[in-house]
Structure formats: C-alpha cells, structure tokens
N, C-alpha and C. Protein backbone atom coordinates (compact mmCIF):
# COMPACT_ATOMS: atom_id res chain seq x y z
N VAL A 1 -11.30 -11.25 4.15
CA VAL A 1 -11.78 -12.20 3.16
C VAL A 1 -10.63 -13.01 2.58
N LEU A 2 -9.48 -12.40 2.38
CA LEU A 2 -8.36 -13.08 1.73
C LEU A 2 -7.32 -13.63 2.70
N ASN A 3 -7.33 -13.14 3.95
CA ASN A 3 -6.39 -13.64 4.96
C ASN A 3 -6.95 -13.30 6.34
N ASN A 4 -8.02 -13.97 6.71
CA ASN A 4 -8.68 -13.73 7.99
C ASN A 4 -7.93 -14.42 9.11
N LYS A 5 -7.89 -13.81 10.29
CA LYS A 5 -7.19 -14.44 11.43
C LYS A 5 -7.89 -15.74 11.82
N ASN A 6 -9.17 -15.89 11.48
CA ASN A 6 -9.91 -17.11 11.72
C ASN A 6 -9.91 -17.92 10.42
N ASP A 7 -9.21 -19.04 10.40
CA ASP A 7 -9.09 -19.85 9.18
C ASP A 7 -10.41 -20.40 8.67
N LYS A 8 -11.44 -20.36 9.49
CA LYS A 8 -12.75 -20.86 9.07
C LYS A 8 -13.51 -19.82 8.23
N LYS A 9 -13.02 -18.60 8.21
CA LYS A 9 -13.69 -17.53 7.47
C LYS A 9 -12.82 -17.12 6.28
N GLY A 10 -13.44 -16.68 5.25
CA GLY A 10 -12.70 -16.15 4.11
C GLY A 10 -12.32 -17.19 3.09
N TYR A 11 -11.43 -16.80 2.20
CA TYR A 11 -11.04 -17.61 1.04
C TYR A 11 -9.55 -17.94 1.03
N HIS A 12 -8.93 -18.15 2.18
CA HIS A 12 -7.47 -18.34 2.26
C HIS A 12 -6.94 -19.26 1.17
N ASP A 13 -7.28 -20.53 1.24
CA ASP A 13 -6.72 -21.51 0.32
C ASP A 13 -7.22 -21.30 -1.10
N THR A 14 -8.50 -20.99 -1.24
CA THR A 14 -9.06 -20.72 -2.57
C THR A 14 -8.32 -19.57 -3.23
N PHE A 15 -8.09 -18.51 -2.45
CA PHE A 15 -7.38 -17.34 -2.97
C PHE A 15 -5.95 -17.69 -3.37
N ARG A 16 -5.22 -18.34 -2.46
CA ARG A 16 -3.82 -18.70 -2.76
C ARG A 16 -3.74 -19.61 -3.99
N ASP A 17 -4.62 -20.62 -4.06
CA ASP A 17 -4.60 -21.55 -5.20
C ASP A 17 -4.93 -20.83 -6.50
N TRP A 18 -5.94 -19.96 -6.45
CA TRP A 18 -6.33 -19.24 -7.66
C TRP A 18 -5.20 -18.32 -8.12
N MET A 19 -4.60 -17.60 -7.18
CA MET A 19 -3.49 -16.70 -7.54
C MET A 19 -2.30 -17.49 -8.08
N ARG A 20 -2.00 -18.61 -7.47
CA ARG A 20 -0.88 -19.44 -7.93
C ARG A 20 -1.12 -19.88 -9.37
N THR A 21 -2.34 -20.31 -9.68
CA THR A 21 -2.62 -20.76 -11.05
C THR A 21 -2.61 -19.60 -12.04
N HIS A 22 -2.68 -18.38 -11.53
CA HIS A 22 -2.63 -17.20 -12.40
C HIS A 22 -1.29 -16.47 -12.30
N GLY A 23 -0.27 -17.21 -11.87
CA GLY A 23 1.10 -16.71 -11.91
C GLY A 23 1.50 -15.76 -10.81
N HIS A 24 0.79 -15.77 -9.69
CA HIS A 24 1.14 -14.84 -8.61
C HIS A 24 0.93 -15.53 -7.26
N ALA A 25 1.89 -16.34 -6.85
CA ALA A 25 1.78 -17.09 -5.59
C ALA A 25 2.10 -16.17 -4.41
N LEU A 26 1.18 -16.08 -3.46
CA LEU A 26 1.39 -15.26 -2.28
C LEU A 26 0.36 -15.55 -1.22
N THR A 27 0.64 -15.08 -0.02
CA THR A 27 -0.35 -14.98 1.04
C THR A 27 -0.65 -13.51 1.19
N PHE A 28 -1.92 -13.15 1.21
CA PHE A 28 -2.30 -11.75 1.29
C PHE A 28 -1.77 -11.14 2.59
N PRO A 29 -1.31 -9.89 2.57
CA PRO A 29 -0.81 -9.25 3.80
C PRO A 29 -1.80 -9.38 4.96
N ASP A 30 -1.26 -9.59 6.14
CA ASP A 30 -2.06 -9.85 7.33
C ASP A 30 -2.63 -8.56 7.91
N THR A 31 -3.80 -8.18 7.43
CA THR A 31 -4.44 -6.96 7.92
C THR A 31 -5.34 -7.24 9.11
N SER A 32 -5.32 -8.46 9.63
CA SER A 32 -6.13 -8.80 10.81
C SER A 32 -5.43 -8.39 12.11
N ASN A 33 -4.23 -7.88 12.03
CA ASN A 33 -3.55 -7.41 13.24
C ASN A 33 -3.06 -5.99 13.02
N THR A 34 -2.35 -5.47 13.97
CA THR A 34 -1.91 -4.08 13.87
C THR A 34 -0.42 -3.98 13.53
N ARG A 35 0.11 -5.00 12.88
CA ARG A 35 1.52 -4.97 12.49
C ARG A 35 1.77 -3.73 11.64
N TYR A 36 2.86 -3.04 11.94
CA TYR A 36 3.20 -1.81 11.24
C TYR A 36 3.21 -2.04 9.73
N SER A 37 2.51 -1.25 9.04
CA SER A 37 2.44 -1.16 7.57
C SER A 37 1.66 -2.28 6.89
N SER A 38 0.92 -3.11 7.59
CA SER A 38 0.19 -4.19 6.92
C SER A 38 -0.85 -3.66 5.94
N TYR A 39 -1.51 -2.54 6.28
CA TYR A 39 -2.49 -1.97 5.36
C TYR A 39 -1.80 -1.33 4.16
N LEU A 40 -0.64 -0.74 4.39
CA LEU A 40 0.13 -0.17 3.28
C LEU A 40 0.57 -1.28 2.33
N ASP A 41 1.02 -2.39 2.90
CA ASP A 41 1.42 -3.54 2.08
C ASP A 41 0.24 -4.06 1.27
N ALA A 42 -0.93 -4.12 1.92
CA ALA A 42 -2.13 -4.61 1.23
C ALA A 42 -2.50 -3.70 0.06
N CYS A 43 -2.43 -2.39 0.26
CA CYS A 43 -2.73 -1.45 -0.83
C CYS A 43 -1.75 -1.63 -1.98
N SER A 44 -0.47 -1.78 -1.66
CA SER A 44 0.53 -1.99 -2.71
C SER A 44 0.25 -3.28 -3.47
N GLU A 45 -0.06 -4.32 -2.75
CA GLU A 45 -0.35 -5.61 -3.37
C GLU A 45 -1.56 -5.52 -4.30
N VAL A 46 -2.64 -4.95 -3.82
CA VAL A 46 -3.87 -4.88 -4.64
C VAL A 46 -3.66 -4.02 -5.88
N LEU A 47 -3.06 -2.84 -5.72
CA LEU A 47 -2.89 -1.98 -6.90
C LEU A 47 -1.87 -2.56 -7.87
N ALA A 48 -0.83 -3.19 -7.36
CA ALA A 48 0.20 -3.77 -8.23
C ALA A 48 -0.37 -4.91 -9.09
N HIS A 49 -1.35 -5.61 -8.56
CA HIS A 49 -1.93 -6.77 -9.26
C HIS A 49 -3.44 -6.62 -9.37
N PHE A 50 -3.86 -5.42 -9.64
CA PHE A 50 -5.27 -5.05 -9.65
C PHE A 50 -6.12 -5.99 -10.51
N ASP A 51 -5.67 -6.26 -11.73
CA ASP A 51 -6.44 -7.10 -12.65
C ASP A 51 -6.70 -8.48 -12.07
N LYS A 52 -5.72 -9.03 -11.37
CA LYS A 52 -5.89 -10.35 -10.76
C LYS A 52 -6.92 -10.32 -9.63
N TYR A 53 -6.91 -9.26 -8.83
CA TYR A 53 -7.88 -9.16 -7.74
C TYR A 53 -9.30 -8.97 -8.28
N GLU A 54 -9.41 -8.16 -9.29
CA GLU A 54 -10.72 -7.96 -9.92
C GLU A 54 -11.22 -9.29 -10.50
N ALA A 55 -10.35 -10.02 -11.16
CA ALA A 55 -10.73 -11.31 -11.75
C ALA A 55 -11.07 -12.33 -10.66
N PHE A 56 -10.33 -12.32 -9.54
CA PHE A 56 -10.62 -13.26 -8.47
C PHE A 56 -12.03 -13.03 -7.92
N PHE A 57 -12.40 -11.77 -7.71
CA PHE A 57 -13.74 -11.51 -7.18
C PHE A 57 -14.84 -11.82 -8.20
N ARG A 58 -14.53 -11.73 -9.47
CA ARG A 58 -15.49 -12.19 -10.48
C ARG A 58 -15.59 -13.72 -10.42
N HIS A 59 -14.44 -14.37 -10.20
CA HIS A 59 -14.38 -15.84 -10.12
C HIS A 59 -15.22 -16.36 -8.95
N ILE A 60 -15.07 -15.78 -7.76
CA ILE A 60 -15.79 -16.32 -6.61
C ILE A 60 -17.30 -16.06 -6.71
N ARG A 61 -17.66 -15.09 -7.53
CA ARG A 61 -19.10 -14.85 -7.76
C ARG A 61 -19.76 -16.11 -8.33
N GLY A 62 -19.01 -16.86 -9.12
CA GLY A 62 -19.57 -18.05 -9.76
C GLY A 62 -19.40 -19.33 -8.96
N LEU A 63 -18.85 -19.27 -7.76
CA LEU A 63 -18.62 -20.48 -6.97
C LEU A 63 -19.85 -20.96 -6.21
N ARG A 64 -20.87 -20.15 -6.09
CA ARG A 64 -22.04 -20.50 -5.27
C ARG A 64 -23.19 -21.01 -6.12
N SER A 65 -24.15 -21.56 -5.40
CA SER A 65 -25.35 -22.04 -6.10
C SER A 65 -26.23 -20.87 -6.54
N TYR A 66 -26.12 -19.70 -5.84
CA TYR A 66 -26.86 -18.52 -6.28
C TYR A 66 -25.89 -17.57 -6.97
N VAL A 67 -26.43 -16.71 -7.78
CA VAL A 67 -25.60 -15.80 -8.57
C VAL A 67 -25.27 -14.56 -7.76
N GLY A 68 -24.02 -14.13 -7.81
CA GLY A 68 -23.62 -12.87 -7.19
C GLY A 68 -22.73 -13.03 -5.98
N HIS A 69 -22.32 -11.91 -5.44
CA HIS A 69 -21.49 -11.84 -4.25
C HIS A 69 -22.35 -11.75 -3.01
N ASN A 70 -21.76 -12.11 -1.85
CA ASN A 70 -22.42 -11.74 -0.61
C ASN A 70 -22.12 -10.26 -0.38
N SER A 71 -22.65 -9.67 0.67
CA SER A 71 -22.53 -8.22 0.83
C SER A 71 -21.08 -7.77 1.03
N LEU A 72 -20.29 -8.53 1.77
CA LEU A 72 -18.88 -8.16 1.98
C LEU A 72 -18.12 -8.21 0.66
N GLU A 73 -18.30 -9.29 -0.08
CA GLU A 73 -17.62 -9.42 -1.38
C GLU A 73 -18.05 -8.33 -2.34
N GLU A 74 -19.33 -8.00 -2.32
CA GLU A 74 -19.83 -6.94 -3.19
C GLU A 74 -19.20 -5.60 -2.83
N ASN A 75 -19.06 -5.33 -1.53
CA ASN A 75 -18.41 -4.08 -1.10
C ASN A 75 -16.96 -4.03 -1.54
N ILE A 76 -16.27 -5.15 -1.44
CA ILE A 76 -14.87 -5.19 -1.89
C ILE A 76 -14.80 -4.94 -3.40
N TYR A 77 -15.64 -5.63 -4.14
CA TYR A 77 -15.64 -5.47 -5.60
C TYR A 77 -15.96 -4.03 -5.99
N LYS A 78 -16.96 -3.45 -5.34
CA LYS A 78 -17.29 -2.04 -5.61
C LYS A 78 -16.12 -1.13 -5.23
N GLY A 79 -15.44 -1.43 -4.12
CA GLY A 79 -14.29 -0.64 -3.69
C GLY A 79 -13.17 -0.63 -4.72
N LEU A 80 -13.04 -1.72 -5.45
CA LEU A 80 -12.03 -1.79 -6.51
C LEU A 80 -12.35 -0.84 -7.66
N HIS A 81 -13.55 -0.30 -7.68
CA HIS A 81 -13.97 0.61 -8.75
C HIS A 81 -14.41 1.97 -8.22
N ASP A 82 -14.15 2.23 -6.96
CA ASP A 82 -14.58 3.47 -6.32
C ASP A 82 -13.44 4.49 -6.32
N GLU A 83 -13.69 5.68 -6.87
CA GLU A 83 -12.65 6.71 -6.99
C GLU A 83 -12.04 7.08 -5.63
N CYS A 84 -12.86 7.23 -4.61
CA CYS A 84 -12.34 7.61 -3.29
C CYS A 84 -11.46 6.52 -2.70
N THR A 85 -11.89 5.27 -2.81
CA THR A 85 -11.11 4.15 -2.29
C THR A 85 -9.80 4.02 -3.04
N LEU A 86 -9.86 4.13 -4.35
CA LEU A 86 -8.63 4.02 -5.15
C LEU A 86 -7.67 5.17 -4.87
N THR A 87 -8.21 6.36 -4.62
CA THR A 87 -7.36 7.50 -4.26
C THR A 87 -6.65 7.23 -2.94
N GLU A 88 -7.39 6.76 -1.96
CA GLU A 88 -6.80 6.46 -0.66
C GLU A 88 -5.73 5.37 -0.78
N MET A 89 -6.03 4.35 -1.55
CA MET A 89 -5.04 3.28 -1.73
C MET A 89 -3.78 3.80 -2.43
N ALA A 90 -3.97 4.65 -3.44
CA ALA A 90 -2.82 5.21 -4.15
C ALA A 90 -1.94 6.03 -3.21
N VAL A 91 -2.56 6.85 -2.37
CA VAL A 91 -1.80 7.65 -1.41
C VAL A 91 -1.05 6.75 -0.43
N MET A 92 -1.69 5.68 -0.01
CA MET A 92 -1.02 4.76 0.92
C MET A 92 0.17 4.06 0.27
N VAL A 93 0.06 3.76 -1.01
CA VAL A 93 1.20 3.18 -1.75
C VAL A 93 2.34 4.19 -1.78
N LEU A 94 2.03 5.44 -2.08
CA LEU A 94 3.07 6.48 -2.16
C LEU A 94 3.72 6.70 -0.78
N TYR A 95 2.92 6.69 0.26
CA TYR A 95 3.44 6.85 1.62
C TYR A 95 4.35 5.67 1.97
N ARG A 96 3.92 4.48 1.62
CA ARG A 96 4.73 3.29 1.89
C ARG A 96 6.09 3.40 1.21
N GLU A 97 6.08 3.79 -0.05
CA GLU A 97 7.34 3.86 -0.80
C GLU A 97 8.24 4.99 -0.32
N ALA A 98 7.67 6.14 -0.02
CA ALA A 98 8.47 7.32 0.33
C ALA A 98 8.93 7.32 1.78
N ILE A 99 8.08 6.86 2.69
CA ILE A 99 8.37 7.00 4.12
C ILE A 99 8.43 5.66 4.85
N SER A 100 7.37 4.91 4.81
CA SER A 100 7.22 3.74 5.66
C SER A 100 8.27 2.66 5.41
N HIS A 101 8.41 2.24 4.16
CA HIS A 101 9.38 1.19 3.86
C HIS A 101 10.82 1.63 4.15
N PRO A 102 11.23 2.84 3.74
CA PRO A 102 12.59 3.27 4.10
C PRO A 102 12.80 3.35 5.62
N TYR A 103 11.78 3.79 6.34
CA TYR A 103 11.90 3.87 7.80
C TYR A 103 12.08 2.48 8.41
N ILE A 104 11.24 1.55 8.02
CA ILE A 104 11.35 0.18 8.54
C ILE A 104 12.71 -0.42 8.19
N THR A 105 13.18 -0.17 6.99
CA THR A 105 14.49 -0.66 6.59
C THR A 105 15.58 -0.07 7.49
N ALA A 106 15.44 1.19 7.84
CA ALA A 106 16.44 1.85 8.68
C ALA A 106 16.43 1.33 10.11
N VAL A 107 15.25 1.03 10.65
CA VAL A 107 15.21 0.62 12.06
C VAL A 107 15.26 -0.89 12.26
N ARG A 108 15.01 -1.66 11.20
CA ARG A 108 15.00 -3.10 11.35
C ARG A 108 15.93 -3.79 10.37
N GLY A 109 16.79 -3.03 9.73
CA GLY A 109 17.69 -3.60 8.73
C GLY A 109 18.78 -4.44 9.36
N PRO A 110 19.61 -5.02 8.52
CA PRO A 110 20.71 -5.86 9.00
C PRO A 110 21.67 -5.08 9.90
N GLY A 111 22.15 -5.73 10.92
CA GLY A 111 23.15 -5.14 11.80
C GLY A 111 22.62 -4.13 12.80
N LEU A 112 21.31 -4.08 13.02
CA LEU A 112 20.75 -3.09 13.92
C LEU A 112 20.23 -3.71 15.22
N THR A 113 20.90 -4.72 15.70
CA THR A 113 20.42 -5.43 16.89
C THR A 113 20.51 -4.59 18.15
N ASP A 114 21.44 -3.65 18.23
CA ASP A 114 21.61 -2.86 19.44
C ASP A 114 20.92 -1.50 19.37
N SER A 115 20.18 -1.23 18.31
CA SER A 115 19.50 0.05 18.15
C SER A 115 18.21 0.06 18.96
N ASN A 116 17.87 1.24 19.49
CA ASN A 116 16.58 1.38 20.18
C ASN A 116 15.99 2.74 19.85
N ALA A 117 14.79 3.00 20.36
CA ALA A 117 14.08 4.23 20.02
C ALA A 117 14.86 5.49 20.39
N LEU A 118 15.66 5.42 21.45
CA LEU A 118 16.43 6.59 21.87
C LEU A 118 17.51 6.95 20.86
N ASP A 119 17.94 5.98 20.09
CA ASP A 119 18.97 6.22 19.07
C ASP A 119 18.38 6.82 17.78
N ASN A 120 17.07 6.84 17.68
CA ASN A 120 16.44 7.18 16.42
C ASN A 120 16.02 8.64 16.26
N GLY A 121 16.44 9.50 17.15
CA GLY A 121 16.10 10.93 17.03
C GLY A 121 16.49 11.51 15.69
N PRO A 122 17.74 11.34 15.24
CA PRO A 122 18.12 11.89 13.93
C PRO A 122 17.32 11.28 12.77
N LEU A 123 17.01 10.00 12.89
CA LEU A 123 16.21 9.36 11.85
C LEU A 123 14.80 9.95 11.81
N LEU A 124 14.21 10.16 12.96
CA LEU A 124 12.87 10.77 13.00
C LEU A 124 12.89 12.18 12.43
N GLN A 125 13.96 12.92 12.68
CA GLN A 125 14.08 14.25 12.09
C GLN A 125 14.16 14.17 10.56
N ARG A 126 14.85 13.13 10.05
CA ARG A 126 14.91 12.93 8.59
C ARG A 126 13.53 12.61 8.03
N VAL A 127 12.75 11.79 8.76
CA VAL A 127 11.40 11.46 8.32
C VAL A 127 10.57 12.74 8.19
N ILE A 128 10.58 13.55 9.23
CA ILE A 128 9.79 14.78 9.23
C ILE A 128 10.26 15.74 8.13
N ALA A 129 11.57 15.86 7.97
CA ALA A 129 12.10 16.74 6.92
C ALA A 129 11.67 16.26 5.54
N HIS A 130 11.68 14.95 5.32
CA HIS A 130 11.28 14.43 4.00
C HIS A 130 9.78 14.60 3.77
N ILE A 131 9.00 14.40 4.81
CA ILE A 131 7.56 14.65 4.68
C ILE A 131 7.33 16.11 4.30
N ASP A 132 8.06 17.03 4.94
CA ASP A 132 7.95 18.46 4.59
C ASP A 132 8.29 18.70 3.13
N GLU A 133 9.34 18.04 2.64
CA GLU A 133 9.72 18.18 1.23
C GLU A 133 8.60 17.73 0.30
N LEU A 134 7.99 16.58 0.64
CA LEU A 134 6.94 16.03 -0.20
C LEU A 134 5.67 16.88 -0.16
N ILE A 135 5.38 17.47 0.99
CA ILE A 135 4.23 18.37 1.10
C ILE A 135 4.48 19.61 0.24
N SER A 136 5.71 20.15 0.30
CA SER A 136 6.06 21.35 -0.47
C SER A 136 6.11 21.08 -1.97
N ASP A 137 6.56 19.88 -2.34
CA ASP A 137 6.70 19.55 -3.75
C ASP A 137 6.24 18.11 -4.00
N PRO A 138 4.93 17.89 -4.08
CA PRO A 138 4.41 16.54 -4.28
C PRO A 138 4.90 15.88 -5.57
N ASP A 139 5.34 16.70 -6.53
CA ASP A 139 5.83 16.12 -7.77
C ASP A 139 7.11 15.31 -7.59
N LEU A 140 7.75 15.44 -6.43
CA LEU A 140 8.91 14.58 -6.16
C LEU A 140 8.54 13.11 -6.27
N ILE A 141 7.26 12.80 -6.01
CA ILE A 141 6.80 11.41 -6.14
C ILE A 141 5.62 11.28 -7.11
N LEU A 142 4.84 12.34 -7.29
CA LEU A 142 3.66 12.24 -8.16
C LEU A 142 3.97 12.38 -9.64
N SER A 143 5.07 13.01 -9.96
CA SER A 143 5.44 13.21 -11.36
C SER A 143 5.67 11.86 -12.04
N VAL A 144 5.32 11.77 -13.31
CA VAL A 144 5.53 10.51 -14.04
C VAL A 144 7.00 10.14 -14.17
N ASP A 145 7.89 11.13 -14.05
CA ASP A 145 9.31 10.82 -14.13
C ASP A 145 10.00 10.93 -12.76
N ALA A 146 9.23 10.86 -11.69
CA ALA A 146 9.81 10.88 -10.33
C ALA A 146 10.71 9.67 -10.13
N THR A 147 11.80 9.90 -9.44
CA THR A 147 12.75 8.82 -9.18
C THR A 147 12.76 8.48 -7.70
N PRO A 148 13.07 7.24 -7.37
CA PRO A 148 13.14 6.87 -5.96
C PRO A 148 14.25 7.63 -5.21
N GLN A 149 15.30 8.02 -5.91
CA GLN A 149 16.38 8.77 -5.25
C GLN A 149 15.87 10.05 -4.62
N ARG A 150 14.93 10.72 -5.27
CA ARG A 150 14.38 11.97 -4.74
C ARG A 150 13.11 11.74 -3.93
N ALA A 151 12.36 10.73 -4.27
CA ALA A 151 11.05 10.52 -3.66
C ALA A 151 11.10 9.80 -2.31
N THR A 152 12.09 8.95 -2.13
CA THR A 152 12.14 8.16 -0.90
C THR A 152 13.00 8.83 0.15
N MET A 153 12.64 8.60 1.39
CA MET A 153 13.34 9.20 2.51
C MET A 153 14.83 8.81 2.55
N ASN A 154 15.13 7.60 2.11
CA ASN A 154 16.51 7.12 2.18
C ASN A 154 17.26 7.26 0.85
N GLY A 155 16.64 7.90 -0.14
CA GLY A 155 17.31 8.09 -1.42
C GLY A 155 17.62 6.78 -2.12
N ALA A 156 16.74 5.81 -1.99
CA ALA A 156 16.96 4.49 -2.57
C ALA A 156 17.16 4.57 -4.08
N SER A 157 17.87 3.61 -4.61
CA SER A 157 18.11 3.60 -6.05
C SER A 157 17.00 2.85 -6.79
N PHE A 158 16.04 2.29 -6.06
CA PHE A 158 14.93 1.56 -6.68
C PHE A 158 13.69 1.65 -5.78
N TRP A 159 12.53 1.48 -6.38
CA TRP A 159 11.29 1.41 -5.62
C TRP A 159 11.21 0.04 -4.97
N ASP A 160 10.64 -0.03 -3.78
CA ASP A 160 10.45 -1.34 -3.16
C ASP A 160 9.45 -2.16 -3.94
N CYS A 161 8.38 -1.53 -4.41
CA CYS A 161 7.36 -2.23 -5.20
C CYS A 161 7.10 -1.43 -6.48
N PRO A 162 7.97 -1.59 -7.47
CA PRO A 162 7.83 -0.80 -8.70
C PRO A 162 6.49 -1.02 -9.41
N CYS A 163 5.92 -2.22 -9.28
CA CYS A 163 4.62 -2.49 -9.92
C CYS A 163 3.52 -1.62 -9.30
N ALA A 164 3.60 -1.39 -7.99
CA ALA A 164 2.60 -0.55 -7.32
C ALA A 164 2.75 0.91 -7.75
N ILE A 165 3.99 1.38 -7.86
CA ILE A 165 4.22 2.76 -8.33
C ILE A 165 3.70 2.91 -9.76
N ALA A 166 3.98 1.92 -10.60
CA ALA A 166 3.48 1.96 -11.99
C ALA A 166 1.96 1.97 -12.00
N ALA A 167 1.33 1.21 -11.11
CA ALA A 167 -0.13 1.18 -11.04
C ALA A 167 -0.69 2.53 -10.62
N VAL A 168 -0.05 3.18 -9.65
CA VAL A 168 -0.50 4.51 -9.22
C VAL A 168 -0.38 5.50 -10.37
N ARG A 169 0.71 5.44 -11.09
CA ARG A 169 0.89 6.36 -12.22
C ARG A 169 -0.15 6.13 -13.31
N LYS A 170 -0.49 4.87 -13.54
CA LYS A 170 -1.52 4.54 -14.53
C LYS A 170 -2.90 5.01 -14.06
N LEU A 171 -3.14 4.88 -12.78
CA LEU A 171 -4.42 5.23 -12.18
C LEU A 171 -4.61 6.74 -12.00
N ALA A 172 -3.53 7.48 -11.84
CA ALA A 172 -3.57 8.90 -11.48
C ALA A 172 -4.52 9.75 -12.33
N PRO A 173 -4.55 9.60 -13.65
CA PRO A 173 -5.47 10.45 -14.44
C PRO A 173 -6.95 10.23 -14.11
N SER A 174 -7.29 9.07 -13.58
CA SER A 174 -8.70 8.78 -13.28
C SER A 174 -9.09 9.12 -11.84
N ILE A 175 -8.13 9.58 -11.04
CA ILE A 175 -8.43 9.98 -9.66
C ILE A 175 -7.96 11.43 -9.47
N PRO A 176 -8.82 12.37 -9.82
CA PRO A 176 -8.43 13.78 -9.91
C PRO A 176 -8.04 14.44 -8.59
N HIS A 177 -8.38 13.86 -7.47
CA HIS A 177 -8.06 14.48 -6.18
C HIS A 177 -6.81 13.90 -5.53
N LEU A 178 -6.04 13.16 -6.30
CA LEU A 178 -4.85 12.49 -5.75
C LEU A 178 -3.90 13.48 -5.08
N ARG A 179 -3.57 14.57 -5.74
CA ARG A 179 -2.61 15.53 -5.18
C ARG A 179 -3.13 16.13 -3.86
N ARG A 180 -4.37 16.54 -3.85
CA ARG A 180 -4.94 17.16 -2.65
C ARG A 180 -4.99 16.17 -1.48
N ILE A 181 -5.40 14.94 -1.75
CA ILE A 181 -5.47 13.93 -0.69
C ILE A 181 -4.06 13.54 -0.25
N PHE A 182 -3.14 13.46 -1.18
CA PHE A 182 -1.74 13.17 -0.85
C PHE A 182 -1.21 14.19 0.15
N ILE A 183 -1.40 15.47 -0.15
CA ILE A 183 -0.90 16.54 0.74
C ILE A 183 -1.56 16.45 2.11
N ALA A 184 -2.87 16.27 2.13
CA ALA A 184 -3.59 16.18 3.41
C ALA A 184 -3.10 14.99 4.23
N PHE A 185 -2.91 13.86 3.59
CA PHE A 185 -2.44 12.65 4.27
C PHE A 185 -1.06 12.87 4.86
N PHE A 186 -0.16 13.45 4.07
CA PHE A 186 1.21 13.67 4.55
C PHE A 186 1.25 14.71 5.67
N LYS A 187 0.40 15.72 5.59
CA LYS A 187 0.35 16.71 6.68
C LYS A 187 -0.08 16.05 7.98
N GLU A 188 -1.09 15.20 7.93
CA GLU A 188 -1.54 14.51 9.14
C GLU A 188 -0.52 13.49 9.63
N SER A 189 0.16 12.81 8.71
CA SER A 189 1.19 11.86 9.14
C SER A 189 2.34 12.59 9.84
N ARG A 190 2.63 13.80 9.38
CA ARG A 190 3.69 14.60 10.02
C ARG A 190 3.34 14.86 11.48
N VAL A 191 2.08 15.16 11.76
CA VAL A 191 1.65 15.41 13.14
C VAL A 191 1.94 14.17 13.99
N THR A 192 1.64 13.01 13.45
CA THR A 192 1.89 11.78 14.21
C THR A 192 3.38 11.53 14.40
N TRP A 193 4.19 11.74 13.37
CA TRP A 193 5.64 11.55 13.52
C TRP A 193 6.20 12.51 14.57
N GLU A 194 5.73 13.73 14.58
CA GLU A 194 6.20 14.69 15.60
C GLU A 194 5.85 14.22 17.01
N ARG A 195 4.64 13.71 17.14
CA ARG A 195 4.20 13.23 18.45
C ARG A 195 5.05 12.05 18.89
C-alpha cells in the first residue's frame, strides 16, 4: 500500500507527500522484494513513527467519496492495534538491532570489497553465540536500561534506530507475550543461521 512494486497501486506519492508535510520525509522500505531485512526495516519504521502511520490511515479514510477504508487498508489499520501483530513487529525490531543490522554492517561495510561467504565463518559463529546469549538472557535487550554495547552482536555504542527501540520499550507493557515470542523467534533464527 505504501510502496508497491507496481506504481499504479497503493499510495506512493500521497504517502510521501503526507509524511513530508508531517515532518518525516521518506520512501517506505521496499517490502515488495526479498531484499535482506526489508521487513525488519519496515517494522522499525512503523513502530518508530507509529503515530504518523496511524494518522495517515485515518487521513486516507477521508479521501474517498464513501466513508471508511477498503479491506486492505482496514486490515492494516487493525494490525496497528493488534497485540499479536505489534508483538511480532517488536521482536523484529529487536532482531534487527541485535543481529541483522550489525551483521549487514560487518559483511557490507566500508573496505569489504574482497570479502566473500567463505571468509565469514568466524562472523557466523559470533552471530550464533550472540543469539545464544540473548536466548539465555533476553534482558540484555528487553530491559529498559539495556545498552547497545551488550545487546548488539557487534557491541555498537549506539542503536541503529533508537526511536524504534524507544517505541518497543514504550509498547512492551501492553504486549505481555513479548519475552516468550522473542525467545521463540531467536531460537528459530539460530536454526537458520546454523544451516
């Protein structure tokens, strides 16, 4: 709806113009392809600027001659208020900050033109070891005073998207299954990293 691969569908320009006038100029992450971490980026974006997304979907409700959303828009709007969806999005934000973004930085960062998958064995072992740490002690990232130095795989001195982390912390009391879903998600991601 916000960045469809078909420019004839969705609200591309309407969305960008509306966001720009509300102080947040961007193109929504491209979730129409399988680019690594695009869904994680989208979750971070939506939670970091939740109020703006909620307001945008209220805004488009009034753009038509009839009152209300179409079914897709209604599902998105309901998803913004659904405990299960918000829990999943929060976990994806935490995974992005702790594992995905540091990993991408390590394999695609500056000066890595000659690196290939065969060189990444030690890095993959670090990923798995950090996932194990987070499974054993989720408070490394779930605690309100968690720091990126302990929570991220690369020991970063800052969060990549501090607004998204702040949003997850604000949301956490209203999503009671966050810890359990976090652990389950990280356990399954570990299986994939091992493979």
